[in-house]
Amino acid sequence: MSNSELRIAYLREFDTSICDIRFTLTVKTKTGNTLEKDVIGFAKNFETLADLKKSIEENVVALSCNNTEIDRNENCKDHELCDLPKKTLIIKFLKIDKDHRDSIKIKDFIKLKEDKILQVCDQKYAIITNAPFIRMVKLPFSISTNFPVEPITFQAYNLDRKTSKFIWLKSIDQNVWHKIAEGYRYDVTEDDLDHYLKFFCVPYNSHQIKGPVVEAISEYKVNNVPQLPECPFEKRHCLTREALKGNKVVTYNVLADRYVDFDQFDYTHPKFLGVHYRKKLIMKELEGYKADIICLQEVDDMQYKAFYKNQFKKRGYESIFNRKGNCIPEGLVCAFKANRFNLMETKQLVMSGSLDRKQFKKILDLLNTNSDVKKEFLRQKTSLQTTILQDLHTNNIVIVGNTHLFYHPDANHIRLLQAFMATLHLGNLKDRVVKESNRRGRVGIIFCGDFNSDVSKSLYDFMVAGTINPEHEDCTKISPSGDALLHHKLRLISASGTPKYTNYTKDYKGCLDYIFVDSLKFSVIRQIPVPTAEELKQYVGLPNEVYPSDHLSLVVELDFKSR
């Protein structure tokens, strides 16, 4: 049998030194039916073929469903038991004329030029090494006519987009599909209304090696974007009609499309969860606040480039976007009135990638004493966007911080460390700006964001008090020996107060968002009230037809204090 007649097994070596091998095994059930089962084996690249064979064997044996721990395999068709031998499994890595040595290291095996063959039981596979592989692909939850669509999640390994093939198809019933376009992005037309869309990918790498084909199908049929209704936030607009001499500031987590899931927001019709409907509602809301400075979180990369950037520009704003961690296709936006401010500097600090800086030595020292906390901290892509603006009329300088801290409910200690890192950086940035500006005008800090912490948590106390007891539960999680001495010098207050709700969903309701300001530099002129608990009680949760995000926007009016 030639290699062209063999089935395919994909062996890959990743940057993390992990290797995996993937193939499809044909198995028979106890009732005589035939099933195709996906098998994956794992090992480190410095381990041997014997280690990889052991992992394959464990996964193949698990398919038999005959061990004492598993009576039935939920993945089997009709819960049928797979008929695989446990004690007589044959697993071999073959050359043309003989077996490969079990002692050969996997990284050396991958480099071999000769053909490689995997045998499992009586089935043989031609091994293709380091072929492109798509880990995950997902289409937007809601797709609308007259707007472009592309995958909101596309995680690929060793893939070359220029040579890979991307095909779009549509279907009324998901049975018969018709090709409609090629390319990674597709411009949805009126003809696609009430059809499902399929994204089909044939991956190739730069050496023209082909990987396994993948596809993704839209959950719902293509819809038209509904007309925008009258919304509760228009009552807030009545309080923000006039431009101010001071600074009107907004912060808003706008809910990235990649996080919209009907299981989570099942109380809202899918047509109102679509990004093209929500983004128009968001822009309508923001426009009515007539803000000088706007900080947004969870802005989709694609939507910023195709929509928000131009919409802000039309309304007289300059805007800056930073991907979360410089890699995740959603992130932070700072927009400011171009006729009011001069942009002095804008940067993004990716926290997990910045610990080697001198200013963060104390944090790194703490993390080096607790491997579990360090691992969790380094895993996050949390970022701090900083924008330095100079008022064209007063020469006052505003340092705007914008962030979205780690979300997990059991990670208060991680968020506390992230807040410590952010305040350290903002404080050092202020010192530098004061020095470089020779104290022309005044320099104040505005720190906005979704902090994912309510007022009862350690983070809020740390932000407004400037310190926290090292014996606090979250500090002892960081350093059981009591060495987590965290403090900052910013003299912050929450200009937005502590509303009962800034996040309102079926599963969680509470205050997670804040606008912290330098109390020595800013006076809070007014907080624009958020919807009351009574007003929100009529909804199961947000987002919905009249609220475009699961968060509420916060709006405050500030002014620099007199000297």
Protein backbone atom coordinates (compact mmCIF):
# COMPACT_ATOMS: atom_id res chain seq x y z
CA MET A 1 0.00 0.00 0.00
CA SER A 2 1.45 3.39 -1.00
CA ASN A 3 1.43 6.40 1.30
CA SER A 4 -1.16 8.04 -0.93
CA GLU A 5 -3.55 5.20 -0.10
CA LEU A 6 -3.03 5.44 3.66
CA ARG A 7 -5.15 7.44 6.02
CA ILE A 8 -3.56 10.54 7.56
CA ALA A 9 -2.18 11.16 11.06
CA TYR A 10 -1.01 14.66 11.95
CA LEU A 11 2.03 15.03 14.23
CA ARG A 12 2.81 18.53 15.45
CA GLU A 13 5.47 20.16 17.61
CA PHE A 14 4.32 23.37 19.30
CA ASP A 15 6.35 26.26 20.69
CA THR A 16 5.56 25.10 24.23
CA SER A 17 7.54 21.85 23.54
CA ILE A 18 4.26 19.92 23.61
CA CYS A 19 3.69 17.51 20.72
CA ASP A 20 0.43 15.92 19.72
CA ILE A 21 -0.61 13.35 17.17
CA ARG A 22 -4.18 13.25 15.84
CA PHE A 23 -5.92 10.66 13.69
CA THR A 24 -9.31 9.05 13.15
CA LEU A 25 -9.71 5.41 14.15
CA THR A 26 -12.42 3.17 12.73
CA VAL A 27 -13.94 1.04 15.49
CA LYS A 28 -16.68 -1.54 15.66
CA THR A 29 -19.32 -1.59 18.36
CA LYS A 30 -20.56 -4.62 20.24
CA THR A 31 -23.63 -4.50 18.04
CA GLY A 32 -21.60 -4.62 14.82
CA ASN A 33 -21.89 -0.98 13.79
CA THR A 34 -18.87 1.01 12.61
CA LEU A 35 -17.88 4.36 14.14
CA GLU A 36 -15.18 6.92 13.37
CA LYS A 37 -13.45 8.06 16.58
CA ASP A 38 -10.93 10.90 16.88
CA VAL A 39 -7.80 9.99 18.84
CA ILE A 40 -5.19 12.37 20.24
CA GLY A 41 -1.87 11.48 21.83
CA PHE A 42 0.35 13.91 23.75
CA ALA A 43 4.00 14.01 24.80
CA LYS A 44 6.86 16.51 25.22
CA ASN A 45 9.23 16.90 22.29
CA PHE A 46 12.17 15.70 24.40
CA GLU A 47 10.30 12.50 25.28
CA THR A 48 10.43 9.36 23.16
CA LEU A 49 8.17 7.49 20.76
CA ALA A 50 7.53 5.05 23.60
CA ASP A 51 5.96 7.90 25.62
CA LEU A 52 3.82 8.96 22.67
CA LYS A 53 2.71 5.36 22.08
CA LYS A 54 1.67 5.10 25.74
CA SER A 55 -0.49 8.22 25.41
CA ILE A 56 -2.08 6.89 22.21
CA GLU A 57 -2.77 3.56 23.90
CA GLU A 58 -4.47 5.24 26.87
CA ASN A 59 -6.77 7.21 24.56
CA VAL A 60 -7.57 4.24 22.35
CA VAL A 61 -8.34 2.02 25.34
CA ALA A 62 -10.68 4.71 26.69
CA LEU A 63 -12.76 4.26 23.54
CA SER A 64 -13.48 0.64 24.37
CA CYS A 65 -15.72 1.72 27.26
CA ASN A 66 -14.93 -1.61 28.91
CA ASN A 67 -12.82 -0.41 31.84
CA THR A 68 -14.16 -0.42 35.38
CA GLU A 69 -14.55 3.36 35.63
CA ILE A 70 -16.54 3.97 32.45
CA ASP A 71 -19.52 1.83 31.60
CA ARG A 72 -20.68 3.82 28.61
CA ASN A 73 -19.00 6.32 26.33
CA GLU A 74 -21.30 9.32 25.93
CA ASN A 75 -19.70 10.03 22.55
CA CYS A 76 -20.65 6.66 21.13
CA LYS A 77 -23.62 6.53 18.79
CA ASP A 78 -26.68 5.37 20.74
CA HIS A 79 -24.34 4.70 23.70
CA GLU A 80 -23.07 1.54 22.04
CA LEU A 81 -19.99 -0.11 23.52
CA CYS A 82 -16.89 -0.02 21.30
CA ASP A 83 -15.24 -3.36 20.67
CA LEU A 84 -11.51 -2.62 21.06
CA PRO A 85 -8.95 -4.97 22.58
CA LYS A 86 -7.21 -3.67 25.68
CA LYS A 87 -4.40 -6.13 26.17
CA THR A 88 -3.45 -6.81 22.54
CA LEU A 89 -3.27 -3.30 21.12
CA ILE A 90 -0.71 -2.95 18.36
CA ILE A 91 0.76 0.55 18.14
CA LYS A 92 3.85 1.04 15.98
CA PHE A 93 5.82 3.80 14.28
CA LEU A 94 7.09 2.31 11.02
CA LYS A 95 9.65 2.92 8.33
CA ILE A 96 9.29 1.31 4.94
CA ASP A 97 11.03 -1.88 6.00
CA LYS A 98 11.10 -1.85 9.81
CA ASP A 99 9.91 -0.27 13.05
CA HIS A 100 11.33 2.98 14.35
CA ARG A 101 13.19 2.64 17.63
CA ASP A 102 10.97 3.40 20.64
CA SER A 103 13.90 5.24 22.21
CA ILE A 104 14.13 7.94 19.52
CA LYS A 105 13.17 11.39 20.78
CA ILE A 106 10.04 12.83 19.22
CA LYS A 107 11.79 16.05 18.12
CA ASP A 108 14.36 13.93 16.25
CA PHE A 109 11.66 11.72 14.78
CA ILE A 110 9.89 14.80 13.38
CA LYS A 111 13.10 15.89 11.61
CA LEU A 112 13.55 12.57 9.79
CA LYS A 113 13.22 13.00 6.03
CA GLU A 114 11.96 9.48 5.27
CA ASP A 115 8.29 8.53 5.19
CA LYS A 116 6.74 7.88 8.58
CA ILE A 117 3.85 5.53 9.23
CA LEU A 118 1.69 4.97 12.31
CA GLN A 119 0.00 1.62 12.82
CA VAL A 120 -2.86 1.22 15.33
CA CYS A 121 -4.35 -2.26 15.40
CA ASP A 122 -4.73 -3.17 11.71
CA GLN A 123 -5.02 0.44 10.50
CA LYS A 124 -2.10 2.36 9.03
CA TYR A 125 -1.61 6.12 8.66
CA ALA A 126 0.85 8.25 6.73
CA ILE A 127 2.25 10.75 9.27
CA ILE A 128 2.36 14.37 8.17
CA THR A 129 4.51 16.51 10.44
CA ASN A 130 3.77 20.11 11.41
CA ALA A 131 0.83 20.48 9.04
CA PRO A 132 -1.35 23.55 9.62
CA PHE A 133 -4.01 23.02 12.22
CA ILE A 134 -7.05 25.08 13.15
CA ARG A 135 -7.76 24.73 16.84
CA MET A 136 -11.03 26.63 16.84
CA VAL A 137 -13.22 28.54 14.42
CA LYS A 138 -16.47 30.26 15.31
CA LEU A 139 -18.81 32.56 13.40
CA PRO A 140 -20.56 35.55 14.99
CA PHE A 141 -23.65 34.75 17.01
CA SER A 142 -25.80 36.99 14.80
CA ILE A 143 -25.09 37.80 11.13
CA SER A 144 -26.85 40.65 9.33
CA THR A 145 -27.38 41.65 5.71
CA ASN A 146 -25.33 44.47 4.21
CA PHE A 147 -22.48 43.98 6.66
CA PRO A 148 -19.23 42.01 6.29
CA VAL A 149 -18.74 38.82 8.27
CA GLU A 150 -15.65 36.87 9.25
CA PRO A 151 -14.92 34.37 12.04
CA ILE A 152 -14.91 35.98 15.49
CA THR A 153 -12.66 33.16 16.68
CA PHE A 154 -9.95 31.70 14.44
CA GLN A 155 -7.14 29.96 16.30
CA ALA A 156 -4.67 28.42 13.90
CA TYR A 157 -1.22 26.84 14.06
CA ASN A 158 1.34 27.04 11.24
CA LEU A 159 -1.23 28.37 8.77
CA ASP A 160 -0.51 30.65 5.82
CA ARG A 161 -3.60 32.75 5.02
CA LYS A 162 -2.35 33.63 1.55
CA THR A 163 -2.27 30.03 0.36
CA SER A 164 -5.12 28.62 2.46
CA LYS A 165 -8.56 28.41 0.89
CA PHE A 166 -11.60 29.99 2.52
CA ILE A 167 -15.05 29.32 1.09
CA TRP A 168 -18.49 30.63 2.09
CA LEU A 169 -21.68 28.67 1.49
CA LYS A 170 -25.33 29.22 2.35
CA SER A 171 -28.33 26.99 2.98
CA ILE A 172 -31.99 27.31 3.90
CA ASP A 173 -32.08 24.04 5.84
CA GLN A 174 -28.39 23.07 6.48
CA ASN A 175 -28.85 20.09 4.17
CA VAL A 176 -28.16 21.54 0.73
CA TRP A 177 -25.38 24.12 0.56
CA HIS A 178 -24.54 26.55 -2.25
CA LYS A 179 -21.18 28.22 -2.67
CA ILE A 180 -21.46 32.02 -2.60
CA ALA A 181 -17.92 33.41 -2.21
CA GLU A 182 -14.25 32.81 -1.48
CA GLY A 183 -12.06 34.70 0.97
CA TYR A 184 -11.67 35.08 4.72
CA ARG A 185 -14.27 37.87 4.88
CA TYR A 186 -17.64 37.88 3.13
CA ASP A 187 -19.96 40.82 2.43
CA VAL A 188 -23.41 39.56 3.34
CA THR A 189 -26.15 40.56 0.86
CA GLU A 190 -29.94 40.81 0.92
CA ASP A 191 -30.02 37.51 -1.01
CA ASP A 192 -28.57 35.78 2.07
CA LEU A 193 -31.51 36.77 4.28
CA ASP A 194 -33.01 33.78 6.16
CA HIS A 195 -30.10 31.51 5.18
CA TYR A 196 -27.50 29.78 7.35
CA LEU A 197 -23.90 30.53 6.43
CA LYS A 198 -21.02 28.06 6.42
CA PHE A 199 -17.35 29.01 6.59
CA PHE A 200 -15.16 26.28 5.06
CA CYS A 201 -11.36 26.31 5.37
CA VAL A 202 -8.72 24.21 3.63
CA PRO A 203 -5.53 25.11 5.53
CA TYR A 204 -2.07 25.18 3.95
CA ASN A 205 1.24 26.27 5.42
CA SER A 206 3.98 28.20 3.61
CA HIS A 207 5.43 24.90 2.30
CA GLN A 208 2.09 23.98 0.70
CA ILE A 209 1.47 21.19 3.21
CA LYS A 210 -2.25 20.70 3.66
CA GLY A 211 -3.90 20.28 7.05
CA PRO A 212 -7.30 18.89 8.04
CA VAL A 213 -10.31 20.77 6.66
CA VAL A 214 -12.56 22.57 9.15
CA GLU A 215 -15.91 24.32 8.91
CA ALA A 216 -18.19 26.47 11.05
CA ILE A 217 -21.92 27.03 10.61
CA SER A 218 -23.85 30.03 11.88
CA GLU A 219 -26.17 29.28 14.79
CA TYR A 220 -28.98 31.37 13.34
CA LYS A 221 -30.10 32.47 9.91
CA VAL A 222 -28.98 35.79 8.46
CA ASN A 223 -31.22 38.66 9.60
CA ASN A 224 -31.86 42.30 8.84
CA VAL A 225 -30.66 44.82 11.44
CA PRO A 226 -33.75 46.02 13.36
CA GLN A 227 -34.65 49.71 13.53
CA LEU A 228 -33.32 51.46 16.63
CA PRO A 229 -36.02 52.06 19.26
CA GLU A 230 -36.37 54.84 21.82
CA CYS A 231 -34.06 53.88 24.69
CA PRO A 232 -33.82 54.63 28.43
CA PHE A 233 -30.38 56.20 28.00
CA GLU A 234 -32.02 59.07 26.12
CA LYS A 235 -33.29 60.34 29.49
CA ARG A 236 -29.64 60.63 30.56
CA HIS A 237 -28.94 62.68 27.42
CA CYS A 238 -31.17 65.41 28.81
CA LEU A 239 -28.50 65.97 31.46
CA THR A 240 -25.54 66.04 29.06
CA ARG A 241 -26.65 68.35 26.26
CA GLU A 242 -24.32 71.22 27.10
CA ALA A 243 -20.58 71.29 26.48
CA LEU A 244 -18.48 72.05 29.57
CA LYS A 245 -15.34 73.98 30.33
CA GLY A 246 -14.29 71.02 32.46
CA ASN A 247 -14.05 67.39 31.36
CA LYS A 248 -17.00 65.13 30.69
CA VAL A 249 -15.76 61.53 30.92
CA VAL A 250 -17.44 58.25 29.94
CA THR A 251 -16.39 54.67 30.58
CA TYR A 252 -18.26 51.76 29.00
CA ASN A 253 -17.73 48.02 28.55
CA VAL A 254 -19.55 47.54 25.24
CA LEU A 255 -19.54 43.68 25.22
CA ALA A 256 -17.38 42.17 22.50
CA ASP A 257 -19.17 40.09 19.91
CA ARG A 258 -16.90 37.13 20.64
CA TYR A 259 -18.42 36.86 24.14
CA VAL A 260 -22.07 36.94 23.06
CA ASP A 261 -23.62 33.56 23.75
CA PHE A 262 -27.30 32.69 23.64
CA ASP A 263 -26.86 30.28 26.55
CA GLN A 264 -25.76 33.23 28.69
CA PHE A 265 -28.19 35.79 27.24
CA ASP A 266 -31.12 33.50 26.47
CA TYR A 267 -33.54 36.15 27.72
CA THR A 268 -32.85 38.33 24.65
CA HIS A 269 -33.93 37.70 21.06
CA PRO A 270 -30.88 36.88 18.89
CA LYS A 271 -31.57 39.79 16.52
CA PHE A 272 -30.91 42.23 19.37
CA LEU A 273 -27.63 40.50 20.27
CA GLY A 274 -26.12 41.05 16.83
CA VAL A 275 -23.08 43.32 16.83
CA HIS A 276 -24.38 45.47 13.97
CA TYR A 277 -27.52 46.31 15.93
CA ARG A 278 -25.70 46.83 19.22
CA LYS A 279 -22.89 48.99 17.81
CA LYS A 280 -25.40 51.46 16.34
CA LEU A 281 -27.19 51.66 19.67
CA ILE A 282 -23.86 52.13 21.47
CA MET A 283 -22.85 54.96 19.15
CA LYS A 284 -26.24 56.61 19.56
CA GLU A 285 -25.81 56.46 23.33
CA LEU A 286 -22.24 57.79 23.29
CA GLU A 287 -23.09 60.64 20.93
CA GLY A 288 -25.77 61.92 23.31
CA TYR A 289 -23.34 62.26 26.22
CA LYS A 290 -21.22 64.85 24.34
CA ALA A 291 -18.19 63.65 26.27
CA ASP A 292 -14.69 65.07 26.06
CA ILE A 293 -13.02 61.73 26.88
CA ILE A 294 -14.46 58.26 26.25
CA CYS A 295 -12.93 54.99 27.47
CA LEU A 296 -14.33 51.74 26.07
CA GLN A 297 -13.57 48.11 26.89
CA GLU A 298 -14.27 44.94 24.87
CA VAL A 299 -14.28 46.71 21.52
CA ASP A 300 -14.06 44.22 18.64
CA ASP A 301 -11.00 44.79 16.47
CA MET A 302 -12.99 44.38 13.27
CA GLN A 303 -15.76 46.72 14.45
CA TYR A 304 -13.29 49.40 15.52
CA LYS A 305 -11.65 49.44 12.10
CA ALA A 306 -14.88 49.19 10.12
CA PHE A 307 -17.20 51.29 12.28
CA TYR A 308 -16.15 52.97 15.52
CA LYS A 309 -13.03 54.72 14.23
CA ASN A 310 -14.91 56.46 11.43
CA GLN A 311 -17.92 57.20 13.62
CA PHE A 312 -15.72 58.87 16.23
CA LYS A 313 -13.89 60.86 13.54
CA LYS A 314 -17.20 62.15 12.09
CA ARG A 315 -18.12 63.42 15.55
CA GLY A 316 -14.82 65.25 16.06
CA TYR A 317 -12.95 62.64 18.09
CA GLU A 318 -9.51 61.19 17.68
CA SER A 319 -9.41 57.59 18.90
CA ILE A 320 -6.84 54.95 19.80
CA PHE A 321 -7.41 51.20 19.86
CA ASN A 322 -5.24 48.54 21.49
CA ARG A 323 -5.85 44.82 21.22
CA LYS A 324 -6.03 43.05 24.56
CA GLY A 325 -2.55 41.72 25.22
CA ASN A 326 -1.66 42.78 21.67
CA CYS A 327 -3.16 39.49 20.49
CA ILE A 328 -6.84 39.04 21.35
CA PRO A 329 -9.17 40.59 18.73
CA GLU A 330 -10.97 42.83 21.22
CA GLY A 331 -9.57 45.56 23.36
CA LEU A 332 -9.47 49.10 24.69
CA VAL A 333 -10.41 52.39 23.04
CA CYS A 334 -9.69 55.91 24.23
CA ALA A 335 -11.45 58.65 22.23
CA PHE A 336 -11.07 62.38 22.89
CA LYS A 337 -12.26 65.64 21.33
CA ALA A 338 -9.65 66.65 18.76
CA ASN A 339 -10.47 70.35 19.11
CA ARG A 340 -10.02 70.17 22.86
CA PHE A 341 -6.89 68.08 23.40
CA ASN A 342 -3.47 67.52 21.91
CA LEU A 343 -2.27 63.91 22.03
CA MET A 344 1.11 63.87 23.77
CA GLU A 345 1.57 60.10 24.10
CA THR A 346 -0.32 56.83 23.98
CA LYS A 347 0.94 53.37 24.95
CA GLN A 348 -0.27 50.00 26.12
CA LEU A 349 1.17 48.05 29.03
CA VAL A 350 0.57 44.29 28.81
CA MET A 351 0.93 43.35 32.46
CA SER A 352 2.10 39.75 32.14
CA GLY A 353 4.76 40.78 29.62
CA SER A 354 6.15 43.74 31.58
CA LEU A 355 7.30 42.24 34.87
CA ASP A 356 10.96 42.53 33.90
CA ARG A 357 10.76 46.32 34.14
CA LYS A 358 12.56 47.87 37.08
CA GLN A 359 9.42 49.61 38.38
CA PHE A 360 7.70 46.23 38.83
CA LYS A 361 10.53 44.43 40.66
CA LYS A 362 8.47 44.22 43.85
CA ILE A 363 5.63 42.47 42.04
CA LEU A 364 7.99 40.01 40.37
CA ASP A 365 9.66 39.26 43.72
CA LEU A 366 6.25 38.50 45.23
CA LEU A 367 5.27 36.25 42.32
CA ASN A 368 8.56 34.37 42.52
CA THR A 369 7.60 33.23 46.02
CA ASN A 370 4.27 31.75 44.88
CA SER A 371 4.38 29.66 41.70
CA ASP A 372 0.61 29.12 41.50
CA VAL A 373 -0.18 32.83 41.67
CA LYS A 374 2.63 33.62 39.24
CA LYS A 375 1.32 31.06 36.75
CA GLU A 376 -2.19 32.53 36.94
CA PHE A 377 -0.92 36.12 36.65
CA LEU A 378 1.24 35.33 33.62
CA ARG A 379 -1.61 33.53 31.88
CA GLN A 380 -3.68 36.73 31.64
CA LYS A 381 -3.56 39.17 28.73
CA THR A 382 -4.76 42.06 30.89
CA SER A 383 -3.62 45.43 29.57
CA LEU A 384 -3.47 49.05 30.69
CA GLN A 385 -3.92 51.66 27.98
CA THR A 386 -2.44 55.05 28.85
CA THR A 387 -3.17 58.23 26.90
CA ILE A 388 -1.58 61.57 27.80
CA LEU A 389 -3.61 64.59 26.68
CA GLN A 390 -2.89 68.31 26.94
CA ASP A 391 -5.82 70.73 27.06
CA LEU A 392 -5.34 73.17 24.18
CA HIS A 393 -6.97 76.00 26.15
CA THR A 394 -5.57 75.59 29.68
CA ASN A 395 -2.39 73.54 29.15
CA ASN A 396 -3.64 71.18 31.85
CA ILE A 397 -2.41 67.63 31.27
CA VAL A 398 -4.65 64.60 31.73
CA ILE A 399 -3.23 61.08 32.03
CA VAL A 400 -6.04 58.70 31.06
CA GLY A 401 -5.75 55.10 32.18
CA ASN A 402 -8.11 52.52 30.68
CA THR A 403 -8.23 48.84 31.63
CA HIS A 404 -10.30 45.67 31.85
CA LEU A 405 -9.11 43.44 34.68
CA PHE A 406 -9.26 39.64 34.91
CA TYR A 407 -12.85 38.44 35.14
CA HIS A 408 -12.80 35.20 37.18
CA PRO A 409 -14.92 35.50 40.37
CA ASP A 410 -12.33 33.59 42.43
CA ALA A 411 -9.41 35.78 41.34
CA ASN A 412 -9.71 38.80 43.65
CA HIS A 413 -6.02 38.45 44.54
CA ILE A 414 -5.01 38.52 40.86
CA ARG A 415 -7.08 41.65 40.25
CA LEU A 416 -5.53 43.22 43.34
CA LEU A 417 -2.05 42.62 41.92
CA GLN A 418 -3.15 43.98 38.55
CA ALA A 419 -4.52 47.13 40.22
CA PHE A 420 -1.25 47.50 42.15
CA MET A 421 0.71 47.24 38.92
CA ALA A 422 -1.54 49.76 37.16
CA THR A 423 -1.33 52.34 39.96
CA LEU A 424 2.46 51.95 40.14
CA HIS A 425 2.71 52.61 36.42
CA LEU A 426 0.30 55.56 36.44
CA GLY A 427 2.14 57.11 39.39
CA ASN A 428 5.51 56.78 37.67
CA LEU A 429 4.03 58.12 34.45
CA LYS A 430 2.70 61.18 36.28
CA ASP A 431 6.11 61.82 37.89
CA ARG A 432 7.75 61.71 34.46
CA VAL A 433 5.19 64.00 32.85
CA VAL A 434 5.45 66.56 35.64
CA LYS A 435 9.23 66.57 35.30
CA GLU A 436 9.25 66.77 31.50
CA SER A 437 6.56 69.45 31.32
CA ASN A 438 8.48 71.67 33.78
CA ARG A 439 5.21 71.91 35.69
CA ARG A 440 3.44 73.86 32.95
CA GLY A 441 -0.23 73.68 33.85
CA ARG A 442 -1.44 70.87 36.08
CA VAL A 443 -1.21 67.09 35.70
CA GLY A 444 -4.08 64.84 36.80
CA ILE A 445 -4.96 61.15 36.47
CA ILE A 446 -8.29 59.69 35.32
CA PHE A 447 -8.39 55.90 35.60
CA CYS A 448 -11.39 54.23 33.92
CA GLY A 449 -12.42 50.68 33.29
CA ASP A 450 -14.14 47.44 34.06
CA PHE A 451 -12.36 46.38 37.24
CA ASN A 452 -14.52 43.26 37.73
CA SER A 453 -14.70 43.96 41.47
CA ASP A 454 -17.60 45.22 43.53
CA VAL A 455 -17.19 47.66 46.41
CA SER A 456 -16.98 44.88 49.01
CA LYS A 457 -13.78 43.46 47.49
CA SER A 458 -10.17 44.27 48.34
CA LEU A 459 -9.52 46.07 45.06
CA TYR A 460 -11.92 48.94 45.75
CA ASP A 461 -10.52 49.52 49.23
CA PHE A 462 -6.99 49.47 47.84
CA MET A 463 -7.83 51.97 45.11
CA VAL A 464 -9.41 54.58 47.39
CA ALA A 465 -7.30 54.01 50.54
CA GLY A 466 -3.98 53.66 48.74
CA THR A 467 -3.03 50.58 50.77
CA ILE A 468 -4.37 47.32 52.16
CA ASN A 469 -3.66 45.22 55.23
CA PRO A 470 -1.11 42.51 54.29
CA GLU A 471 -3.14 40.13 56.45
CA HIS A 472 -6.17 40.56 54.21
CA GLU A 473 -7.28 37.24 52.71
CA ASP A 474 -6.31 38.32 49.17
CA CYS A 475 -2.87 39.47 50.30
CA THR A 476 -2.17 36.19 52.07
CA LYS A 477 -3.11 34.33 48.89
CA ILE A 478 -0.33 36.27 47.21
CA SER A 479 2.13 35.94 50.09
CA PRO A 480 1.18 33.65 53.00
CA SER A 481 4.14 35.06 54.93
CA GLY A 482 2.61 38.55 54.94
CA ASP A 483 5.05 40.15 52.48
CA ALA A 484 2.34 41.53 50.15
CA LEU A 485 2.79 45.17 51.15
CA LEU A 486 0.77 46.89 48.46
CA HIS A 487 0.29 50.65 48.30
CA HIS A 488 0.07 53.59 45.89
CA LYS A 489 0.33 57.37 46.12
CA LEU A 490 -2.43 58.51 43.78
CA ARG A 491 -5.10 59.74 46.24
CA LEU A 492 -7.92 58.31 44.16
CA ILE A 493 -11.67 58.61 44.60
CA SER A 494 -14.45 57.06 42.57
CA ALA A 495 -15.84 60.02 40.66
CA SER A 496 -18.64 57.75 39.43
CA GLY A 497 -19.56 56.75 42.98
CA THR A 498 -20.61 53.18 43.69
CA PRO A 499 -23.88 52.55 41.83
CA LYS A 500 -25.80 49.46 42.86
CA TYR A 501 -25.50 48.11 39.33
CA THR A 502 -23.12 48.69 36.46
CA ASN A 503 -23.43 45.08 35.27
CA TYR A 504 -26.89 43.51 35.09
CA THR A 505 -27.40 39.99 33.75
CA LYS A 506 -29.47 36.99 34.72
CA ASP A 507 -26.49 35.42 36.49
CA TYR A 508 -24.86 38.48 38.08
CA LYS A 509 -25.92 41.95 39.13
CA GLY A 510 -23.49 44.37 40.74
CA CYS A 511 -21.05 47.27 40.45
CA LEU A 512 -17.89 46.40 38.49
CA ASP A 513 -17.03 49.64 36.65
CA TYR A 514 -15.49 52.86 37.95
CA ILE A 515 -13.99 56.19 37.00
CA PHE A 516 -11.23 56.80 39.56
CA VAL A 517 -9.70 60.28 39.61
CA ASP A 518 -6.91 62.15 41.37
CA SER A 519 -8.76 63.84 44.25
CA LEU A 520 -6.01 66.44 44.68
CA LYS A 521 -6.41 67.63 41.10
CA PHE A 522 -10.06 67.10 40.17
CA SER A 523 -13.40 68.22 41.54
CA VAL A 524 -16.40 66.06 40.68
CA ILE A 525 -19.01 68.46 39.34
CA ARG A 526 -21.68 65.86 38.67
CA GLN A 527 -22.39 62.18 38.27
CA ILE A 528 -24.97 61.42 35.57
CA PRO A 529 -27.30 58.93 37.31
CA VAL A 530 -27.40 55.36 36.03
CA PRO A 531 -30.76 53.57 35.69
CA THR A 532 -32.21 52.74 39.08
CA ALA A 533 -32.82 49.26 40.44
CA GLU A 534 -36.55 49.82 39.90
CA GLU A 535 -36.00 50.75 36.26
CA LEU A 536 -33.84 47.69 35.65
CA LYS A 537 -36.17 45.25 37.41
CA GLN A 538 -38.46 45.18 34.40
CA TYR A 539 -35.72 43.27 32.50
CA VAL A 540 -34.39 39.78 33.18
CA GLY A 541 -31.00 41.18 32.25
CA LEU A 542 -28.87 43.13 29.81
CA PRO A 543 -28.21 43.29 26.89
CA ASN A 544 -31.62 43.59 25.31
CA GLU A 545 -33.51 45.62 22.72
CA VAL A 546 -32.82 48.95 24.46
CA TYR A 547 -29.56 48.25 26.33
CA PRO A 548 -26.75 47.23 23.93
CA SER A 549 -24.33 45.78 26.51
CA ASP A 550 -24.46 43.76 29.70
CA HIS A 551 -22.78 46.78 31.34
CA LEU A 552 -24.06 50.30 31.90
CA SER A 553 -22.06 53.34 30.87
CA LEU A 554 -20.76 55.70 33.57
CA VAL A 555 -20.69 59.44 32.91
CA VAL A 556 -19.12 62.12 35.13
CA GLU A 557 -18.32 65.81 34.85
CA LEU A 558 -14.94 66.88 36.24
CA ASP A 559 -12.98 70.07 36.56
CA PHE A 560 -9.41 70.78 37.59
CA LYS A 561 -9.21 72.31 41.06
CA SER A 562 -7.88 75.84 41.33
CA ARG A 563 -4.24 76.08 42.34
